[in-house]
Amino acid sequence: MNGIKSGDRVEIHLDEKFGDRSGWYRGVVTRIDPYSQHRCFYWVRLDDEAQAVLKTGEISVFNPKHIRKIE
């Protein structure tokens, strides 16, 4: 669908509902769990900088608009 696979470097977006923590954060896709024929949960292990801000090591992203592959 969006060409993202396990092991890819990505940026994930947290929108305004996350307040001062909104923005783009980098990490690596660790697994992809199918939800339906057209949607998946992307599990992302966050980089150290993102972990320090968000106080978590891994996050799941469901909305494909909130994840993008980085080259």
N, C-alpha and C. Protein backbone atom coordinates (compact mmCIF):
# COMPACT_ATOMS: atom_id res chain seq x y z
N MET A 1 0.82 -1.20 0.00
CA MET A 1 0.00 0.00 0.00
C MET A 1 0.86 1.25 0.00
N ASN A 2 1.63 1.50 1.07
CA ASN A 2 2.48 2.70 1.08
C ASN A 2 3.96 2.34 0.96
N GLY A 3 4.27 1.07 0.74
CA GLY A 3 5.63 0.64 0.51
C GLY A 3 6.49 0.53 1.75
N ILE A 4 5.93 0.69 2.92
CA ILE A 4 6.69 0.58 4.16
C ILE A 4 6.71 -0.87 4.60
N LYS A 5 7.91 -1.35 4.98
CA LYS A 5 8.04 -2.73 5.44
C LYS A 5 8.89 -2.77 6.71
N SER A 6 8.87 -3.89 7.36
CA SER A 6 9.64 -4.06 8.58
C SER A 6 11.12 -3.79 8.31
N GLY A 7 11.75 -3.03 9.21
CA GLY A 7 13.15 -2.66 9.05
C GLY A 7 13.37 -1.29 8.43
N ASP A 8 12.32 -0.70 7.86
CA ASP A 8 12.45 0.61 7.22
C ASP A 8 12.60 1.73 8.26
N ARG A 9 13.41 2.72 7.92
CA ARG A 9 13.51 3.95 8.71
C ARG A 9 12.33 4.82 8.34
N VAL A 10 11.65 5.33 9.36
CA VAL A 10 10.45 6.14 9.12
C VAL A 10 10.41 7.33 10.07
N GLU A 11 9.51 8.24 9.75
CA GLU A 11 9.12 9.31 10.66
C GLU A 11 7.64 9.11 10.96
N ILE A 12 7.28 9.30 12.22
CA ILE A 12 5.87 9.22 12.60
C ILE A 12 5.42 10.58 13.08
N HIS A 13 4.17 10.89 12.84
CA HIS A 13 3.65 12.20 13.22
C HIS A 13 2.65 12.09 14.35
N LEU A 14 2.85 12.89 15.38
CA LEU A 14 1.89 13.03 16.47
C LEU A 14 1.21 14.38 16.27
N ASP A 15 -0.11 14.38 16.20
CA ASP A 15 -0.82 15.63 15.89
C ASP A 15 -1.05 16.48 17.14
N GLU A 16 -1.82 17.53 16.99
CA GLU A 16 -2.01 18.54 18.04
C GLU A 16 -2.62 17.99 19.33
N LYS A 17 -3.27 16.83 19.27
CA LYS A 17 -3.82 16.27 20.51
C LYS A 17 -2.72 15.84 21.49
N PHE A 18 -1.48 15.78 21.03
CA PHE A 18 -0.35 15.45 21.88
C PHE A 18 0.31 16.70 22.48
N GLY A 19 -0.31 17.86 22.26
CA GLY A 19 0.16 19.11 22.86
C GLY A 19 1.57 19.47 22.45
N ASP A 20 2.40 19.76 23.45
CA ASP A 20 3.77 20.20 23.17
C ASP A 20 4.65 19.08 22.63
N ARG A 21 4.15 17.85 22.62
CA ARG A 21 4.90 16.73 22.04
C ARG A 21 4.51 16.45 20.60
N SER A 22 3.66 17.30 20.01
CA SER A 22 3.27 17.08 18.61
C SER A 22 4.48 17.31 17.71
N GLY A 23 4.47 16.65 16.56
CA GLY A 23 5.55 16.79 15.60
C GLY A 23 5.95 15.45 15.00
N TRP A 24 7.04 15.47 14.26
CA TRP A 24 7.56 14.27 13.60
C TRP A 24 8.70 13.67 14.40
N TYR A 25 8.70 12.34 14.53
CA TYR A 25 9.72 11.61 15.28
C TYR A 25 10.22 10.44 14.44
N ARG A 26 11.50 10.13 14.58
CA ARG A 26 12.12 9.07 13.78
C ARG A 26 12.22 7.75 14.55
N GLY A 27 12.22 6.68 13.74
CA GLY A 27 12.37 5.35 14.30
C GLY A 27 12.47 4.31 13.20
N VAL A 28 12.33 3.04 13.60
CA VAL A 28 12.44 1.91 12.69
C VAL A 28 11.21 1.02 12.86
N VAL A 29 10.61 0.62 11.76
CA VAL A 29 9.46 -0.28 11.81
C VAL A 29 9.94 -1.65 12.28
N THR A 30 9.33 -2.15 13.36
CA THR A 30 9.72 -3.46 13.89
C THR A 30 8.77 -4.56 13.46
N ARG A 31 7.50 -4.22 13.26
CA ARG A 31 6.55 -5.20 12.75
C ARG A 31 5.32 -4.48 12.20
N ILE A 32 4.57 -5.21 11.40
CA ILE A 32 3.35 -4.68 10.80
C ILE A 32 2.24 -5.69 11.07
N ASP A 33 1.20 -5.25 11.77
CA ASP A 33 0.06 -6.10 12.08
C ASP A 33 -1.13 -5.70 11.23
N PRO A 34 -1.60 -6.59 10.36
CA PRO A 34 -2.76 -6.27 9.54
C PRO A 34 -4.00 -6.02 10.41
N TYR A 35 -4.78 -5.05 10.03
CA TYR A 35 -6.04 -4.74 10.70
C TYR A 35 -7.22 -5.08 9.79
N SER A 36 -7.10 -4.72 8.53
CA SER A 36 -8.11 -5.03 7.53
C SER A 36 -7.37 -5.22 6.20
N GLN A 37 -8.12 -5.38 5.14
CA GLN A 37 -7.51 -5.56 3.83
C GLN A 37 -6.70 -4.34 3.42
N HIS A 38 -7.05 -3.17 3.93
CA HIS A 38 -6.42 -1.93 3.47
C HIS A 38 -5.67 -1.16 4.55
N ARG A 39 -5.71 -1.62 5.79
CA ARG A 39 -5.07 -0.87 6.88
C ARG A 39 -4.25 -1.81 7.75
N CYS A 40 -3.19 -1.26 8.34
CA CYS A 40 -2.31 -2.01 9.22
C CYS A 40 -1.89 -1.13 10.40
N PHE A 41 -1.46 -1.80 11.46
CA PHE A 41 -0.77 -1.12 12.55
C PHE A 41 0.72 -1.26 12.27
N TYR A 42 1.44 -0.12 12.25
CA TYR A 42 2.88 -0.11 12.07
C TYR A 42 3.51 0.12 13.43
N TRP A 43 4.26 -0.85 13.92
CA TRP A 43 4.95 -0.72 15.20
C TRP A 43 6.34 -0.16 14.94
N VAL A 44 6.66 0.93 15.62
CA VAL A 44 7.90 1.66 15.37
C VAL A 44 8.70 1.75 16.66
N ARG A 45 9.96 1.27 16.61
CA ARG A 45 10.91 1.46 17.71
C ARG A 45 11.51 2.85 17.52
N LEU A 46 11.27 3.71 18.46
CA LEU A 46 11.69 5.10 18.34
C LEU A 46 13.19 5.28 18.57
N ASP A 47 13.76 6.27 17.90
CA ASP A 47 15.15 6.65 18.12
C ASP A 47 15.30 7.20 19.54
N ASP A 48 16.52 7.25 20.03
CA ASP A 48 16.78 7.71 21.40
C ASP A 48 16.21 9.10 21.69
N GLU A 49 16.35 10.00 20.73
CA GLU A 49 15.86 11.37 20.94
C GLU A 49 14.33 11.38 21.12
N ALA A 50 13.63 10.60 20.32
CA ALA A 50 12.18 10.52 20.42
C ALA A 50 11.76 9.84 21.73
N GLN A 51 12.50 8.83 22.14
CA GLN A 51 12.20 8.14 23.40
C GLN A 51 12.33 9.10 24.57
N ALA A 52 13.31 9.97 24.54
CA ALA A 52 13.52 10.92 25.62
C ALA A 52 12.34 11.89 25.73
N VAL A 53 11.79 12.31 24.61
CA VAL A 53 10.68 13.26 24.60
C VAL A 53 9.36 12.56 24.96
N LEU A 54 9.13 11.39 24.34
CA LEU A 54 7.84 10.72 24.46
C LEU A 54 7.74 9.76 25.64
N LYS A 55 8.88 9.44 26.25
CA LYS A 55 8.91 8.54 27.42
C LYS A 55 8.37 7.15 27.11
N THR A 56 8.62 6.68 25.88
CA THR A 56 8.27 5.33 25.48
C THR A 56 9.25 4.87 24.41
N GLY A 57 9.43 3.56 24.30
CA GLY A 57 10.38 3.04 23.34
C GLY A 57 9.77 2.63 22.02
N GLU A 58 8.48 2.31 22.05
CA GLU A 58 7.82 1.83 20.84
C GLU A 58 6.41 2.40 20.78
N ILE A 59 5.94 2.62 19.57
CA ILE A 59 4.61 3.20 19.37
C ILE A 59 4.00 2.56 18.13
N SER A 60 2.68 2.43 18.13
CA SER A 60 2.00 1.93 16.93
C SER A 60 1.32 3.09 16.21
N VAL A 61 1.34 3.00 14.89
CA VAL A 61 0.74 4.03 14.04
C VAL A 61 -0.29 3.34 13.16
N PHE A 62 -1.51 3.83 13.19
CA PHE A 62 -2.59 3.25 12.39
C PHE A 62 -2.91 4.08 11.16
N ASN A 63 -2.89 5.39 11.30
CA ASN A 63 -3.24 6.28 10.19
C ASN A 63 -2.05 6.38 9.24
N PRO A 64 -2.21 5.94 7.98
CA PRO A 64 -1.08 6.00 7.05
C PRO A 64 -0.59 7.41 6.74
N LYS A 65 -1.39 8.43 7.05
CA LYS A 65 -0.95 9.82 6.86
C LYS A 65 0.05 10.23 7.93
N HIS A 66 0.19 9.43 8.99
CA HIS A 66 1.06 9.78 10.10
C HIS A 66 2.36 8.99 10.11
N ILE A 67 2.68 8.37 9.00
CA ILE A 67 3.94 7.65 8.89
C ILE A 67 4.49 7.85 7.48
N ARG A 68 5.80 8.10 7.41
CA ARG A 68 6.43 8.25 6.11
C ARG A 68 7.83 7.65 6.16
N LYS A 69 8.18 7.01 5.06
CA LYS A 69 9.49 6.39 4.92
C LYS A 69 10.53 7.48 4.69
N ILE A 70 11.70 7.32 5.29
CA ILE A 70 12.80 8.26 5.04
C ILE A 70 13.93 7.50 4.36
N GLU A 71 14.55 8.16 3.46
CA GLU A 71 15.61 7.55 2.65
C GLU A 71 16.94 7.65 3.34
